[in-house]
Amino acid sequence: MTQSPHIFIVDDEAPAREMVGDYLKMHGFGVTLCDGGKSLRKEIENAVPDLVVLDLNMPEEDGLSIIRDLKSRINVPVIMLTATASPIDRVVGLELGADDYIAKPCELRELMARIRSVLRRSTPPKAATPEPAAAKAEKEQLVRFGTKWLDLEAQALRDDEGNEHPLTASEFGLLKVFAANPKRVLSRERLLELANARDAEAFDRAVDLRIMRIRRKIEIDPTKPAVIRTIRGGGYLFSPTGEKG
C-alpha cells in the first residue's frame, strides 16, 4: 500500500498553520506543524518530509535563510507562502531552490493543487520490478475462464487442481479468440473468422453448439452463463470475472 505524502508546514502564526494542516489532513496527507526554522530542523532529524510549505515572513528567522539551509541539508520540494514578500524575495527563493510560491492568505484548494503538482514533478517514476521472464511468459499463457484455466501454449483446459478437461480443436480455437478479446461483443461471423474455422461444419448453429459445450466445462451454472454471455442480436461476450455489468 502506498504511503500518503508527508507535508511539513512552517509558519509562526498558529491559526494559519493549523488551518492548512487540518485541510491537508482531511485530504489524506500526513502533516507536521512547525513554528519556525528551529522546530523544522528538529523535526527533520526524526523524519524527512515529502514537501515543505514555508512562510517567508517570520520574525525569528526569515524564510529565505531557512530555504538556503534546508536545501543544503536535503533535497526536498518547497512551496513558499508569501504575504508581504517583495517580488525580489520570491525570485531569490526560487533561485535558492524553492519549487513554487503562493500568496497569503491562500485559497486552500489552490495550495493543495500546487502541492500535488510539485509532488508529481519531484517524484521520479518508480521503475517496475522486472518480472522473471519465465514467470511472465507462464502468466501470459494462462487465462481464467470461470471454473477453469486455459493454457494457451499446451492448448489445454485445466481446473484449479490441475486436472485436464478435454477440448476439441474447434473449442480451443473459440476460447483462444475470447481470450484475446475480453469484454468485446463478437458476432458469430467474427468468431468464425478469428478462429479460422471456415470449414464445412462452421455454420452459425455449429458455433452455438460449441459455445454450449464450452459452457458446460467452464460455467458454474451453464444454464445461467456469466463467463461467456449471449448478447441478443450481437453474438457473444467473454467476461473474465463473470460480472453481469
Protein backbone atom coordinates (compact mmCIF):
# COMPACT_ATOMS: atom_id res chain seq x y z
CA MET A 1 0.00 0.00 0.00
CA THR A 2 1.39 3.41 -0.97
CA GLN A 3 2.06 5.74 1.95
CA SER A 4 0.49 9.21 1.84
CA PRO A 5 2.89 12.12 1.25
CA HIS A 6 4.04 13.82 4.46
CA ILE A 7 3.97 17.61 4.44
CA PHE A 8 5.80 19.91 6.89
CA ILE A 9 4.06 23.26 7.38
CA VAL A 10 6.31 26.04 8.72
CA ASP A 11 4.53 29.19 9.88
CA ASP A 12 4.94 31.28 13.04
CA GLU A 13 1.18 32.01 13.09
CA ALA A 14 -0.53 29.09 14.82
CA PRO A 15 -4.04 29.66 13.33
CA ALA A 16 -2.62 29.77 9.79
CA ARG A 17 -0.50 26.61 10.06
CA GLU A 18 -3.29 24.71 11.87
CA MET A 19 -5.86 25.69 9.23
CA VAL A 20 -3.59 24.48 6.42
CA GLY A 21 -2.67 21.37 8.40
CA ASP A 22 -6.28 20.41 9.09
CA TYR A 23 -7.22 20.88 5.43
CA LEU A 24 -4.38 18.70 4.17
CA LYS A 25 -5.10 16.00 6.77
CA MET A 26 -8.71 15.99 5.63
CA HIS A 27 -7.47 15.19 2.12
CA GLY A 28 -5.26 12.31 3.18
CA PHE A 29 -1.86 13.93 3.65
CA GLY A 30 0.39 13.31 6.64
CA VAL A 31 1.16 16.63 8.36
CA THR A 32 3.74 18.01 10.79
CA LEU A 33 3.41 21.59 12.08
CA CYS A 34 6.48 23.73 12.78
CA ASP A 35 6.55 27.29 14.19
CA GLY A 36 9.90 28.21 12.64
CA GLY A 37 13.29 27.11 11.35
CA LYS A 38 14.43 25.69 14.68
CA SER A 39 11.48 23.34 15.06
CA LEU A 40 11.72 22.43 11.36
CA ARG A 41 15.33 21.30 11.75
CA LYS A 42 14.41 19.32 14.86
CA GLU A 43 11.56 17.53 13.07
CA ILE A 44 13.77 16.73 10.06
CA GLU A 45 16.11 14.84 12.38
CA ASN A 46 13.22 12.45 13.03
CA ALA A 47 11.70 12.22 9.57
CA VAL A 48 12.32 13.64 6.10
CA PRO A 49 9.20 15.27 4.61
CA ASP A 50 7.97 14.81 1.06
CA LEU A 51 7.39 18.56 0.80
CA VAL A 52 7.68 21.72 2.93
CA VAL A 53 5.16 24.57 2.90
CA LEU A 54 7.14 27.54 4.23
CA ASP A 55 6.07 31.03 5.25
CA LEU A 56 8.70 33.52 4.05
CA ASN A 57 7.84 36.23 6.60
CA MET A 58 8.72 35.03 10.10
CA PRO A 59 10.26 37.18 12.83
CA GLU A 60 12.69 34.68 14.31
CA GLU A 61 14.32 33.50 11.08
CA ASP A 62 13.31 34.58 7.60
CA GLY A 63 12.15 32.03 5.08
CA LEU A 64 14.93 32.66 2.60
CA SER A 65 17.64 31.66 5.09
CA ILE A 66 15.57 28.59 6.00
CA ILE A 67 15.35 27.59 2.33
CA ARG A 68 19.11 28.05 1.92
CA ASP A 69 19.84 25.93 5.00
CA LEU A 70 17.19 23.32 4.13
CA LYS A 71 18.42 22.82 0.57
CA SER A 72 22.00 22.39 1.83
CA ARG A 73 20.81 19.52 4.03
CA ILE A 74 18.27 17.62 1.96
CA ASN A 75 16.72 17.76 -1.50
CA VAL A 76 13.11 18.40 -0.52
CA PRO A 77 10.49 20.34 -2.51
CA VAL A 78 9.49 23.71 -1.01
CA ILE A 79 6.42 25.85 -1.61
CA MET A 80 6.77 29.41 -0.29
CA LEU A 81 3.88 31.26 1.34
CA THR A 82 4.25 34.99 0.77
CA ALA A 83 2.16 37.71 2.41
CA THR A 84 4.19 40.93 2.11
CA ALA A 85 7.29 39.46 0.49
CA SER A 86 8.51 41.52 -2.45
CA PRO A 87 8.86 40.06 -5.94
CA ILE A 88 12.62 40.02 -5.42
CA ASP A 89 12.16 37.76 -2.38
CA ARG A 90 10.15 35.33 -4.48
CA VAL A 91 12.80 35.37 -7.19
CA VAL A 92 15.58 34.79 -4.64
CA GLY A 93 13.56 31.98 -3.08
CA LEU A 94 13.15 30.27 -6.45
CA GLU A 95 16.84 30.73 -7.20
CA LEU A 96 17.68 29.16 -3.83
CA GLY A 97 15.73 26.09 -4.88
CA ALA A 98 12.11 26.68 -3.89
CA ASP A 99 9.71 24.95 -6.27
CA ASP A 100 6.68 27.25 -6.17
CA TYR A 101 5.03 30.06 -4.23
CA ILE A 102 1.51 31.16 -3.35
CA ALA A 103 0.22 34.39 -1.78
CA LYS A 104 -1.23 34.57 1.72
CA PRO A 105 -3.98 34.33 2.69
CA CYS A 106 -4.10 31.40 0.32
CA GLU A 107 -7.01 29.59 -1.23
CA LEU A 108 -6.64 26.14 0.31
CA ARG A 109 -7.77 24.30 -2.81
CA GLU A 110 -5.15 26.13 -4.85
CA LEU A 111 -2.46 25.32 -2.29
CA MET A 112 -3.39 21.64 -2.39
CA ALA A 113 -3.33 21.68 -6.20
CA ARG A 114 0.13 23.23 -6.17
CA ILE A 115 1.34 20.69 -3.60
CA ARG A 116 0.16 17.82 -5.77
CA SER A 117 1.71 19.40 -8.86
CA VAL A 118 5.09 19.86 -7.16
CA LEU A 119 4.98 16.32 -5.77
CA ARG A 120 4.30 14.93 -9.25
CA ARG A 121 7.22 16.88 -10.70
CA SER A 122 9.63 16.00 -7.92
CA THR A 123 8.85 12.30 -7.56
CA PRO A 124 10.75 10.20 -10.11
CA PRO A 125 8.65 7.47 -11.69
CA LYS A 126 9.25 4.20 -9.91
CA ALA A 127 10.74 1.55 -12.12
CA ALA A 128 8.65 -1.56 -12.04
CA THR A 129 10.43 -4.56 -10.62
CA PRO A 130 11.21 -6.75 -13.61
CA GLU A 131 9.21 -9.94 -13.58
CA PRO A 132 11.26 -13.04 -14.32
CA ALA A 133 10.86 -13.84 -18.00
CA ALA A 134 9.76 -17.41 -17.33
CA ALA A 135 7.12 -16.35 -14.80
CA LYS A 136 5.85 -13.61 -17.11
CA ALA A 137 5.63 -15.98 -20.04
CA GLU A 138 3.80 -18.56 -17.94
CA LYS A 139 1.33 -15.96 -16.67
CA GLU A 140 0.61 -14.72 -20.17
CA GLN A 141 -0.10 -18.27 -21.34
CA LEU A 142 -2.79 -18.90 -18.70
CA VAL A 143 -6.25 -17.36 -18.98
CA ARG A 144 -9.02 -17.77 -16.42
CA PHE A 145 -12.32 -18.96 -17.82
CA GLY A 146 -14.82 -19.32 -14.99
CA THR A 147 -14.03 -22.53 -13.11
CA LYS A 148 -11.09 -23.44 -15.35
CA TRP A 149 -7.75 -22.22 -16.70
CA LEU A 150 -6.95 -22.20 -20.39
CA ASP A 151 -3.30 -22.99 -21.12
CA LEU A 152 -2.68 -21.36 -24.48
CA GLU A 153 0.69 -22.98 -25.02
CA ALA A 154 -0.44 -26.52 -24.20
CA GLN A 155 -3.87 -25.96 -25.74
CA ALA A 156 -5.39 -27.49 -22.62
CA LEU A 157 -8.22 -26.67 -20.21
CA ARG A 158 -7.50 -27.40 -16.53
CA ASP A 159 -9.24 -26.95 -13.21
CA ASP A 160 -7.67 -25.48 -10.06
CA GLU A 161 -6.31 -28.91 -9.09
CA GLY A 162 -4.51 -29.23 -12.43
CA ASN A 163 -6.83 -31.86 -13.85
CA GLU A 164 -7.18 -31.58 -17.62
CA HIS A 165 -10.60 -31.38 -19.27
CA PRO A 166 -10.72 -32.43 -22.94
CA LEU A 167 -11.13 -29.75 -25.60
CA THR A 168 -11.74 -30.23 -29.28
CA ALA A 169 -9.61 -28.17 -31.66
CA SER A 170 -12.61 -26.02 -32.60
CA GLU A 171 -13.47 -25.38 -28.90
CA PHE A 172 -9.89 -24.35 -28.19
CA GLY A 173 -9.99 -22.07 -31.24
CA LEU A 174 -13.03 -20.25 -29.87
CA LEU A 175 -11.59 -19.95 -26.36
CA LYS A 176 -8.36 -18.54 -27.77
CA VAL A 177 -10.33 -15.88 -29.64
CA PHE A 178 -12.26 -14.96 -26.49
CA ALA A 179 -9.01 -14.78 -24.50
CA ALA A 180 -7.62 -12.25 -26.99
CA ASN A 181 -10.84 -10.20 -27.00
CA PRO A 182 -12.16 -9.85 -23.42
CA LYS A 183 -15.25 -7.70 -22.89
CA ARG A 184 -15.85 -7.35 -26.62
CA VAL A 185 -19.04 -8.45 -28.32
CA LEU A 186 -18.13 -10.84 -31.13
CA SER A 187 -20.63 -11.86 -33.75
CA ARG A 188 -20.76 -15.49 -34.88
CA GLU A 189 -19.29 -14.37 -38.21
CA ARG A 190 -16.39 -12.63 -36.45
CA LEU A 191 -15.78 -15.60 -34.15
CA LEU A 192 -15.51 -17.96 -37.11
CA GLU A 193 -13.22 -15.54 -38.94
CA LEU A 194 -10.85 -15.03 -35.98
CA ALA A 195 -10.81 -18.74 -35.15
CA ASN A 196 -10.02 -19.63 -38.80
CA ALA A 197 -12.95 -22.02 -38.54
CA ARG A 198 -14.39 -21.70 -42.02
CA ASP A 199 -14.73 -25.40 -42.57
CA ALA A 200 -17.64 -27.48 -43.82
CA GLU A 201 -19.36 -27.57 -40.41
CA ALA A 202 -18.74 -23.94 -39.47
CA PHE A 203 -22.26 -22.59 -39.62
CA ASP A 204 -23.89 -20.33 -37.06
CA ARG A 205 -25.61 -23.22 -35.31
CA ALA A 206 -22.29 -25.03 -35.08
CA VAL A 207 -20.88 -22.03 -33.18
CA ASP A 208 -23.86 -22.11 -30.80
CA LEU A 209 -23.33 -25.81 -30.14
CA ARG A 210 -19.62 -25.33 -29.46
CA ILE A 211 -20.36 -22.47 -27.06
CA MET A 212 -22.90 -24.67 -25.29
CA ARG A 213 -20.31 -27.43 -24.85
CA ILE A 214 -17.72 -24.94 -23.63
CA ARG A 215 -20.16 -23.51 -21.08
CA ARG A 216 -20.68 -26.96 -19.60
CA LYS A 217 -16.98 -27.08 -18.89
CA ILE A 218 -16.33 -23.56 -17.55
CA GLU A 219 -19.53 -22.06 -16.12
CA ILE A 220 -20.60 -22.50 -12.51
CA ASP A 221 -24.17 -22.77 -13.82
CA PRO A 222 -24.26 -23.46 -17.58
CA THR A 223 -27.97 -22.60 -17.69
CA LYS A 224 -27.12 -19.07 -16.46
CA PRO A 225 -23.87 -18.31 -18.24
CA ALA A 226 -21.84 -15.44 -16.77
CA VAL A 227 -18.40 -16.01 -18.34
CA ILE A 228 -19.40 -16.38 -21.99
CA ARG A 229 -22.61 -14.44 -22.33
CA THR A 230 -25.08 -14.27 -25.20
CA ILE A 231 -25.70 -10.72 -26.39
CA ARG A 232 -29.07 -10.57 -28.12
CA GLY A 233 -28.66 -9.50 -31.73
CA GLY A 234 -24.89 -9.18 -31.26
CA GLY A 235 -23.23 -12.50 -30.61
CA TYR A 236 -21.14 -13.50 -27.62
CA LEU A 237 -19.09 -11.66 -24.97
CA PHE A 238 -16.35 -13.02 -22.71
CA SER A 239 -16.44 -11.54 -19.19
CA PRO A 240 -13.18 -12.61 -17.50
CA THR A 241 -14.54 -12.13 -13.97
CA GLY A 242 -18.03 -13.30 -14.80
CA GLU A 243 -19.60 -9.93 -13.95
CA LYS A 244 -23.04 -9.17 -15.26
CA GLY A 245 -22.37 -5.46 -15.92
